[in-house]
């Protein structure tokens, strides 16, 4: 049984991402955990007097509203799914979304988070926050798939895995990519962005041989592409040219992707990608403590 987490704010964007998840795993036995955070927004101008009483009333109202909306949302998803092997569990939480997600991952051993993302341009990219980007930067214990706004489902027959090949990857780190490739009989394109035209180094060739060993059961090819303006722009052009259906990369600090022109690759791609983006956490950060599990999530049957 797979456990998939679907954060939602009940928006059209969230429905689209959830529908993608149902189609992605249409033949898999899954429990989908629908998570909604009704954490109150901070207000700087609220008087201290009577604030606790007002907050309690507001919290109770928000909880009931969240629970009711989750039940309606799940009813819609059941119609979209139509699969008896798809199960849905609503989770309504008073905590911030990233906190609720961490607890749910710990309690369910979830394999994947799937959520929608909206684009931004110009200065908004710098100053405007994004829930999806915040989740990507904060959650280090579970792969995250970001589905672009209005993206219609396409079977991921062509998967691109972007890597500088300077880092050694464990089999567990690449398992999310391989598992999807096996389900859909996909081809994996191992994408290496070359800022200068030069052959792979000895360490790059070694790491490539290990990656290809992990991917030996599915068609896979090395694709070297020339640097264009930025890593994010280069990958965008690559995915368009080869009609890639899913782009995957590992989220680790101080890697080649973030060193090139010091651009935050994960953040930029999450804003600009036109295809689903699979962010894989670094295994060294994926250490879950089973002690003192929190049971504070509010679940409704």
Protein backbone atom coordinates (compact mmCIF):
# COMPACT_ATOMS: atom_id res chain seq x y z
CA UNK A 1 0.00 0.00 0.00
CA UNK A 2 1.43 3.34 -1.05
CA UNK A 3 0.88 6.39 1.14
CA UNK A 4 0.68 9.65 -0.81
CA UNK A 5 0.23 13.08 0.80
CA UNK A 6 -1.88 15.66 -1.00
CA UNK A 7 -1.81 19.12 0.62
CA UNK A 8 -4.80 21.22 -0.38
CA UNK A 9 -6.25 24.68 0.02
CA UNK A 10 -9.33 23.64 -2.02
CA UNK A 11 -8.27 25.81 -4.94
CA UNK A 12 -8.51 24.89 -8.61
CA UNK A 13 -4.77 24.47 -8.59
CA UNK A 14 -4.96 21.96 -5.73
CA UNK A 15 -7.74 19.98 -7.45
CA UNK A 16 -5.61 19.77 -10.59
CA UNK A 17 -2.62 18.45 -8.63
CA UNK A 18 -4.78 15.88 -6.83
CA UNK A 19 -6.34 14.74 -10.10
CA UNK A 20 -2.81 14.28 -11.49
CA UNK A 21 -1.91 12.13 -8.46
CA UNK A 22 -4.97 9.91 -8.94
CA UNK A 23 -4.12 9.33 -12.59
CA UNK A 24 -0.43 8.82 -11.87
CA UNK A 25 -1.25 5.98 -9.49
CA UNK A 26 -4.48 4.80 -11.11
CA UNK A 27 -3.34 1.17 -11.08
CA UNK A 28 -1.66 1.29 -7.67
CA UNK A 29 -3.21 0.50 -4.30
CA UNK A 30 -2.89 3.81 -2.46
CA UNK A 31 -4.02 5.74 0.55
CA UNK A 32 -4.18 9.45 -0.23
CA UNK A 33 -3.85 11.69 2.81
CA UNK A 34 -5.61 15.00 2.13
CA UNK A 35 -4.03 17.65 4.34
CA UNK A 36 -5.44 21.08 5.06
CA UNK A 37 -3.86 23.53 7.47
CA UNK A 38 -6.18 26.07 9.06
CA UNK A 39 -3.42 27.76 11.06
CA UNK A 40 -4.48 31.38 11.74
CA UNK A 41 -2.66 34.15 9.93
CA UNK A 42 -0.53 36.38 12.13
CA UNK A 43 -1.89 39.86 12.70
CA UNK A 44 0.37 42.63 13.93
CA UNK A 45 -2.39 45.07 14.87
CA UNK A 46 -4.53 42.84 17.13
CA UNK A 47 -4.90 44.04 20.72
CA UNK A 48 -3.76 41.67 23.46
CA UNK A 49 -7.02 42.03 25.41
CA UNK A 50 -9.57 39.29 24.62
CA UNK A 51 -7.23 37.93 21.93
CA UNK A 52 -7.08 34.42 23.39
CA UNK A 53 -10.87 34.10 23.60
CA UNK A 54 -11.32 35.39 20.05
CA UNK A 55 -8.58 33.09 18.79
CA UNK A 56 -10.27 30.05 20.36
CA UNK A 57 -13.62 30.85 18.75
CA UNK A 58 -11.95 31.52 15.40
CA UNK A 59 -9.95 28.30 15.66
CA UNK A 60 -13.05 26.21 16.37
CA UNK A 61 -14.86 27.78 13.42
CA UNK A 62 -11.90 27.24 11.13
CA UNK A 63 -11.59 23.62 12.25
CA UNK A 64 -15.21 22.81 11.43
CA UNK A 65 -14.93 24.62 8.10
CA UNK A 66 -11.71 22.79 7.27
CA UNK A 67 -13.18 19.39 8.11
CA UNK A 68 -16.35 19.98 6.10
CA UNK A 69 -14.40 21.22 3.10
CA UNK A 70 -12.13 18.18 3.25
CA UNK A 71 -15.09 15.80 3.21
CA UNK A 72 -16.57 17.59 0.17
CA UNK A 73 -13.18 17.64 -1.53
CA UNK A 74 -12.70 13.92 -1.00
CA UNK A 75 -16.17 13.20 -2.37
CA UNK A 76 -15.12 14.97 -5.58
CA UNK A 77 -11.83 13.04 -5.72
CA UNK A 78 -13.63 9.71 -5.32
CA UNK A 79 -15.64 10.55 -8.42
CA UNK A 80 -12.48 11.45 -10.33
CA UNK A 81 -10.71 8.27 -9.20
CA UNK A 82 -13.43 5.64 -9.48
CA UNK A 83 -10.92 3.05 -8.23
CA UNK A 84 -11.89 0.79 -5.31
CA UNK A 85 -8.21 0.44 -4.42
CA UNK A 86 -7.90 4.18 -3.79
CA UNK A 87 -8.50 5.21 -0.18
CA UNK A 88 -8.75 8.74 1.18
CA UNK A 89 -7.97 10.05 4.65
CA UNK A 90 -8.72 13.67 5.58
CA UNK A 91 -6.31 15.42 7.93
CA UNK A 92 -7.31 18.81 9.28
CA UNK A 93 -4.52 20.51 11.21
CA UNK A 94 -4.30 23.73 13.26
CA UNK A 95 -0.55 23.77 12.66
CA UNK A 96 1.45 25.37 9.90
CA UNK A 97 1.45 23.21 6.78
CA UNK A 98 5.11 22.20 6.93
CA UNK A 99 4.72 21.11 10.57
CA UNK A 100 1.60 19.09 9.74
CA UNK A 101 3.39 17.47 6.80
CA UNK A 102 6.42 16.49 8.88
CA UNK A 103 4.20 14.79 11.46
CA UNK A 104 2.16 12.98 8.83
CA UNK A 105 5.29 11.75 7.03
CA UNK A 106 6.60 10.43 10.33
CA UNK A 107 3.33 8.67 11.21
CA UNK A 108 2.58 7.13 7.81
CA UNK A 109 5.98 6.58 6.13
CA UNK A 110 4.58 8.45 3.15
CA UNK A 111 6.41 7.91 -0.14
CA UNK A 112 5.53 11.14 -1.90
CA UNK A 113 3.98 14.59 -1.51
CA UNK A 114 2.14 15.90 -4.57
CA UNK A 115 0.99 19.52 -4.70
CA UNK A 116 0.28 22.27 -7.17
CA UNK A 117 2.45 25.29 -7.89
CA UNK A 118 1.77 28.67 -9.45
CA UNK A 119 4.16 30.70 -11.55
CA UNK A 120 5.59 34.14 -10.93
CA UNK A 121 7.63 36.55 -12.94
CA UNK A 122 9.94 39.52 -12.53
CA UNK A 123 10.26 40.95 -9.03
CA UNK A 124 7.44 38.72 -7.79
CA UNK A 125 9.87 35.82 -8.07
CA UNK A 126 12.04 37.50 -5.43
CA UNK A 127 9.47 39.03 -3.14
CA UNK A 128 6.43 36.79 -3.42
CA UNK A 129 6.35 33.67 -1.32
CA UNK A 130 5.17 30.31 -2.60
CA UNK A 131 3.71 27.55 -0.45
CA UNK A 132 5.18 24.89 -2.70
CA UNK A 133 8.65 26.42 -2.69
CA UNK A 134 8.48 26.74 1.10
CA UNK A 135 7.52 23.07 1.41
CA UNK A 136 10.36 22.05 -0.94
CA UNK A 137 12.87 24.01 1.14
CA UNK A 138 11.50 22.80 4.48
CA UNK A 139 10.63 19.12 3.99
CA UNK A 140 13.76 16.95 3.92
CA UNK A 141 12.29 13.53 4.58
CA UNK A 142 10.03 12.85 1.59
CA UNK A 143 10.13 13.40 -2.18
CA UNK A 144 7.92 16.23 -3.42
CA UNK A 145 6.24 16.48 -6.80
CA UNK A 146 5.14 19.95 -7.92
CA UNK A 147 2.42 20.07 -10.56
CA UNK A 148 2.22 23.29 -12.62
CA UNK A 149 -1.02 25.20 -12.68
CA UNK A 150 -3.40 23.94 -15.41
CA UNK A 151 -1.10 21.06 -16.36
CA UNK A 152 -3.13 18.21 -17.85
CA UNK A 153 -2.03 14.69 -17.02
CA UNK A 154 0.43 12.99 -19.36
CA UNK A 155 1.98 9.62 -18.63
CA UNK A 156 5.65 10.29 -17.78
CA UNK A 157 7.08 8.26 -20.65
CA UNK A 158 10.08 10.58 -20.84
CA UNK A 159 11.74 11.38 -17.51
CA UNK A 160 14.73 13.71 -17.19
CA UNK A 161 17.08 13.38 -14.22
CA UNK A 162 19.34 16.42 -13.93
CA UNK A 163 22.76 15.93 -12.36
CA UNK A 164 26.24 17.43 -12.48
CA UNK A 165 27.64 13.89 -11.95
CA UNK A 166 30.07 15.16 -9.31
CA UNK A 167 28.02 13.63 -6.52
CA UNK A 168 27.65 9.95 -5.67
CA UNK A 169 23.99 8.91 -5.52
CA UNK A 170 22.68 6.06 -3.43
CA UNK A 171 20.17 3.61 -4.83
CA UNK A 172 17.60 4.77 -2.28
CA UNK A 173 17.91 8.38 -3.45
CA UNK A 174 17.15 7.44 -7.05
CA UNK A 175 14.40 4.95 -6.16
CA UNK A 176 11.52 7.48 -6.69
CA UNK A 177 12.67 8.08 -10.28
CA UNK A 178 13.21 4.40 -11.00
CA UNK A 179 9.88 3.34 -9.50
CA UNK A 180 7.94 5.73 -11.75
CA UNK A 181 9.97 4.63 -14.78
CA UNK A 182 9.09 0.99 -14.08
CA UNK A 183 5.39 1.74 -13.65
CA UNK A 184 5.13 3.61 -16.94
CA UNK A 185 7.93 1.84 -18.86
CA UNK A 186 9.58 5.22 -19.20
CA UNK A 187 12.88 6.28 -20.70
CA UNK A 188 15.20 8.15 -18.33
CA UNK A 189 17.35 10.94 -19.74
CA UNK A 190 20.33 11.60 -17.48
CA UNK A 191 20.84 15.32 -18.13
CA UNK A 192 24.23 16.90 -17.58
CA UNK A 193 24.56 20.63 -18.17
CA UNK A 194 28.02 21.47 -19.46
CA UNK A 195 29.09 25.09 -19.02
CA UNK A 196 32.16 24.38 -21.12
CA UNK A 197 32.56 21.74 -23.76
CA UNK A 198 34.84 19.20 -22.17
CA UNK A 199 34.76 15.46 -21.56
CA UNK A 200 33.49 14.01 -18.32
CA UNK A 201 36.06 13.73 -15.56
CA UNK A 202 37.06 10.44 -13.99
CA UNK A 203 34.79 10.97 -11.01
CA UNK A 204 31.89 11.97 -13.27
CA UNK A 205 32.31 8.82 -15.34
CA UNK A 206 32.39 6.73 -12.19
CA UNK A 207 29.21 8.31 -10.79
CA UNK A 208 27.53 7.94 -14.19
CA UNK A 209 28.36 4.22 -14.22
CA UNK A 210 26.73 3.83 -10.80
CA UNK A 211 23.61 5.72 -11.88
CA UNK A 212 23.30 3.63 -15.04
CA UNK A 213 23.68 0.50 -12.92
CA UNK A 214 20.71 1.61 -10.80
CA UNK A 215 18.71 2.31 -13.98
CA UNK A 216 19.73 -0.87 -15.80
CA UNK A 217 16.17 -2.25 -15.86
CA UNK A 218 14.79 0.73 -17.84
CA UNK A 219 16.00 2.48 -21.01
CA UNK A 220 18.39 5.27 -20.02
CA UNK A 221 20.67 7.65 -21.87
CA UNK A 222 23.18 10.34 -21.00
CA UNK A 223 22.26 13.70 -22.51
CA UNK A 224 24.83 16.48 -22.27
CA UNK A 225 23.51 19.93 -23.05
CA UNK A 226 25.24 23.29 -23.31
CA UNK A 227 24.72 25.95 -20.66
CA UNK A 228 22.18 28.61 -21.73
CA UNK A 229 21.88 31.75 -19.56
CA UNK A 230 21.16 29.80 -16.39
CA UNK A 231 20.71 26.22 -15.27
CA UNK A 232 16.95 26.70 -14.94
CA UNK A 233 16.72 28.14 -18.45
CA UNK A 234 18.93 25.35 -19.83
CA UNK A 235 16.73 22.65 -18.30
CA UNK A 236 13.61 24.43 -19.49
CA UNK A 237 14.89 24.40 -23.09
CA UNK A 238 15.98 20.77 -22.78
CA UNK A 239 12.61 19.57 -21.51
CA UNK A 240 10.81 21.44 -24.28
CA UNK A 241 13.07 20.14 -27.04
CA UNK A 242 12.84 16.49 -26.00
CA UNK A 243 9.20 16.64 -24.90
CA UNK A 244 10.04 15.57 -21.35
CA UNK A 245 7.03 14.74 -19.14
CA UNK A 246 8.75 14.85 -15.73
CA UNK A 247 11.92 16.55 -14.48
CA UNK A 248 13.67 15.12 -11.41
CA UNK A 249 16.59 16.44 -9.38
CA UNK A 250 18.12 15.98 -5.96
CA UNK A 251 17.70 18.79 -3.45
CA UNK A 252 21.07 19.18 -1.77
CA UNK A 253 23.08 22.17 -0.65
CA UNK A 254 26.22 23.44 -2.33
CA UNK A 255 25.65 21.32 -5.42
CA UNK A 256 26.62 22.19 -8.97
CA UNK A 257 23.10 23.30 -9.81
CA UNK A 258 23.11 26.01 -7.15
CA UNK A 259 26.75 26.97 -7.64
CA UNK A 260 26.32 28.00 -11.27
CA UNK A 261 25.86 31.78 -11.12
CA UNK A 262 24.64 31.24 -7.56
CA UNK A 263 21.07 30.86 -8.73
CA UNK A 264 18.61 29.00 -6.53
CA UNK A 265 17.70 26.29 -9.02
CA UNK A 266 14.95 24.59 -7.07
CA UNK A 267 13.21 27.91 -6.41
CA UNK A 268 13.50 29.16 -9.98
CA UNK A 269 12.35 25.91 -11.58
CA UNK A 270 9.45 25.58 -9.14
CA UNK A 271 8.24 28.98 -10.32
CA UNK A 272 8.84 28.45 -14.03
CA UNK A 273 8.50 24.77 -14.85
CA UNK A 274 5.75 23.84 -17.30
CA UNK A 275 5.99 20.12 -16.49
CA UNK A 276 5.83 18.21 -13.19
CA UNK A 277 8.96 18.58 -11.06
CA UNK A 278 10.12 15.79 -8.75
CA UNK A 279 12.35 17.00 -5.92
CA UNK A 280 14.26 14.20 -4.18
CA UNK A 281 15.62 14.82 -0.68
CA UNK A 282 19.25 14.12 0.11
CA UNK A 283 19.49 10.78 1.87
CA UNK A 284 21.84 12.09 4.56
CA UNK A 285 19.08 14.48 5.62
CA UNK A 286 16.38 11.83 5.41
CA UNK A 287 16.81 10.50 8.93
CA UNK A 288 13.54 9.99 10.74
CA UNK A 289 13.38 9.50 14.48
CA UNK A 290 10.67 7.07 15.55
CA UNK A 291 10.81 8.29 19.14
CA UNK A 292 8.16 10.52 20.68
CA UNK A 293 5.81 10.49 17.69
CA UNK A 294 3.39 13.38 17.87
CA UNK A 295 -0.28 12.46 17.82
CA UNK A 296 -1.59 16.02 17.62
CA UNK A 297 -2.94 15.90 14.05
CA UNK A 298 -6.72 16.14 13.99
CA UNK A 299 -8.08 13.42 11.70
CA UNK A 300 -11.70 12.96 10.75
CA UNK A 301 -13.18 9.64 9.69
